[in-house]
Amino acid sequence: MTENENPIPFEQSLQELESIVKKMEQGELSLDDSLKAFERGVALSRQCQNALKEAELKVAKLTAEGTLEPFNLGTDMEESGQ
């Protein structure tokens, strides 16, 4: 499966990537398994990066001027009356 075929949800990709990192950090994988895990990790990392870029573009598109504005939880909630 390539990166663009049926991408898995961001959260699932991130969870799998974290699992791969833990396994590799334990140092108990064979060289072959380590290389396969590394290859899968790179693919997942790229998929996550692409998902984040897409989300950032959507947010930028939804803002009035196309710029991301800092979010201050306390101030923004007071202004919205919550």
C-alpha atoms as a PDB file:
ATOM      1  CA  MET A   1       0.000   0.000   0.000  1.00  0.00           C
ATOM      2  CA  THR A   2       1.315   3.433  -0.887  1.00  0.00           C
ATOM      3  CA  GLU A   3       0.806   6.542   1.206  1.00  0.00           C
ATOM      4  CA  ASN A   4      -2.045   7.825  -0.963  1.00  0.00           C
ATOM      5  CA  GLU A   5      -4.074   4.602  -1.061  1.00  0.00           C
ATOM      6  CA  ASN A   6      -6.741   4.467   1.639  1.00  0.00           C
ATOM      7  CA  PRO A   7      -4.949   6.594   4.222  1.00  0.00           C
ATOM      8  CA  ILE A   8      -5.819   5.680   7.776  1.00  0.00           C
ATOM      9  CA  PRO A   9      -7.128   8.382  10.129  1.00  0.00           C
ATOM     10  CA  PHE A  10      -4.552  10.753  11.612  1.00  0.00           C
ATOM     11  CA  GLU A  11      -5.055   9.546  15.174  1.00  0.00           C
ATOM     12  CA  GLN A  12      -4.626   5.907  14.168  1.00  0.00           C
ATOM     13  CA  SER A  13      -1.487   6.742  12.170  1.00  0.00           C
ATOM     14  CA  LEU A  14      -0.016   8.604  15.111  1.00  0.00           C
ATOM     15  CA  GLN A  15      -0.834   5.774  17.506  1.00  0.00           C
ATOM     16  CA  GLU A  16       0.797   3.209  15.216  1.00  0.00           C
ATOM     17  CA  LEU A  17       3.838   5.450  14.796  1.00  0.00           C
ATOM     18  CA  GLU A  18       4.206   5.763  18.580  1.00  0.00           C
ATOM     19  CA  SER A  19       3.957   1.981  18.898  1.00  0.00           C
ATOM     20  CA  ILE A  20       6.690   1.498  16.298  1.00  0.00           C
ATOM     21  CA  VAL A  21       8.963   3.953  18.104  1.00  0.00           C
ATOM     22  CA  LYS A  22       8.485   2.106  21.404  1.00  0.00           C
ATOM     23  CA  LYS A  23       9.306  -1.249  19.806  1.00  0.00           C
ATOM     24  CA  MET A  24      12.415   0.146  18.157  1.00  0.00           C
ATOM     25  CA  GLU A  25      13.581   1.842  21.355  1.00  0.00           C
ATOM     26  CA  GLN A  26      13.412  -1.478  23.184  1.00  0.00           C
ATOM     27  CA  GLY A  27      16.124  -2.732  20.839  1.00  0.00           C
ATOM     28  CA  GLU A  28      14.784  -6.263  20.600  1.00  0.00           C
ATOM     29  CA  LEU A  29      13.852  -6.248  16.897  1.00  0.00           C
ATOM     30  CA  SER A  30      16.028  -8.013  14.363  1.00  0.00           C
ATOM     31  CA  LEU A  31      17.790  -5.887  11.782  1.00  0.00           C
ATOM     32  CA  ASP A  32      15.270  -6.899   9.121  1.00  0.00           C
ATOM     33  CA  ASP A  33      12.308  -6.152  11.395  1.00  0.00           C
ATOM     34  CA  SER A  34      13.889  -2.846  12.414  1.00  0.00           C
ATOM     35  CA  LEU A  35      14.238  -1.809   8.778  1.00  0.00           C
ATOM     36  CA  LYS A  36      10.629  -2.760   8.049  1.00  0.00           C
ATOM     37  CA  ALA A  37       9.448  -0.868  11.124  1.00  0.00           C
ATOM     38  CA  PHE A  38      11.531   2.153  10.141  1.00  0.00           C
ATOM     39  CA  GLU A  39      10.099   2.103   6.619  1.00  0.00           C
ATOM     40  CA  ARG A  40       6.547   1.911   7.980  1.00  0.00           C
ATOM     41  CA  GLY A  41       7.320   4.680  10.458  1.00  0.00           C
ATOM     42  CA  VAL A  42       8.568   6.979   7.707  1.00  0.00           C
ATOM     43  CA  ALA A  43       5.401   6.363   5.688  1.00  0.00           C
ATOM     44  CA  LEU A  44       3.210   7.049   8.722  1.00  0.00           C
ATOM     45  CA  SER A  45       5.180  10.174   9.569  1.00  0.00           C
ATOM     46  CA  ARG A  46       4.706  11.522   6.055  1.00  0.00           C
ATOM     47  CA  GLN A  47       1.006  10.718   6.174  1.00  0.00           C
ATOM     48  CA  CYS A  48       0.653  12.560   9.494  1.00  0.00           C
ATOM     49  CA  GLN A  49       2.591  15.555   8.176  1.00  0.00           C
ATOM     50  CA  ASN A  50       0.351  15.713   5.106  1.00  0.00           C
ATOM     51  CA  ALA A  51      -2.793  15.519   7.243  1.00  0.00           C
ATOM     52  CA  LEU A  52      -1.528  18.352   9.442  1.00  0.00           C
ATOM     53  CA  LYS A  53      -0.669  20.486   6.405  1.00  0.00           C
ATOM     54  CA  GLU A  54      -4.148  19.926   4.984  1.00  0.00           C
ATOM     55  CA  ALA A  55      -5.737  20.879   8.302  1.00  0.00           C
ATOM     56  CA  GLU A  56      -3.598  24.011   8.515  1.00  0.00           C
ATOM     57  CA  LEU A  57      -4.627  25.018   4.990  1.00  0.00           C
ATOM     58  CA  LYS A  58      -8.298  24.527   5.844  1.00  0.00           C
ATOM     59  CA  VAL A  59      -7.956  26.658   8.968  1.00  0.00           C
ATOM     60  CA  ALA A  60      -6.127  29.366   7.031  1.00  0.00           C
ATOM     61  CA  LYS A  61      -8.817  29.322   4.365  1.00  0.00           C
ATOM     62  CA  LEU A  62     -11.530  29.709   6.983  1.00  0.00           C
ATOM     63  CA  THR A  63      -9.943  32.724   8.632  1.00  0.00           C
ATOM     64  CA  ALA A  64     -10.931  36.100   7.257  1.00  0.00           C
ATOM     65  CA  GLU A  65      -7.501  37.192   6.064  1.00  0.00           C
ATOM     66  CA  GLY A  66      -5.952  33.795   5.524  1.00  0.00           C
ATOM     67  CA  THR A  67      -3.608  34.214   8.469  1.00  0.00           C
ATOM     68  CA  LEU A  68      -3.620  32.098  11.555  1.00  0.00           C
ATOM     69  CA  GLU A  69      -4.380  34.098  14.648  1.00  0.00           C
ATOM     70  CA  PRO A  70      -3.130  33.164  18.116  1.00  0.00           C
ATOM     71  CA  PHE A  71      -5.741  31.507  20.291  1.00  0.00           C
ATOM     72  CA  ASN A  72      -6.028  32.563  23.906  1.00  0.00           C
ATOM     73  CA  LEU A  73      -8.470  30.282  25.685  1.00  0.00           C
ATOM     74  CA  GLY A  74      -9.324  32.703  28.494  1.00  0.00           C
ATOM     75  CA  THR A  75      -9.781  35.830  26.384  1.00  0.00           C
ATOM     76  CA  ASP A  76     -11.558  34.135  23.490  1.00  0.00           C
ATOM     77  CA  MET A  77     -14.066  32.406  25.773  1.00  0.00           C
ATOM     78  CA  GLU A  78     -14.837  35.684  27.584  1.00  0.00           C
ATOM     79  CA  GLU A  79     -15.456  37.450  24.272  1.00  0.00           C
ATOM     80  CA  SER A  80     -17.838  34.717  23.131  1.00  0.00           C
ATOM     81  CA  GLY A  81     -19.771  34.941  26.404  1.00  0.00           C
ATOM     82  CA  GLN A  82     -18.890  31.477  27.696  1.00  0.00           C
END
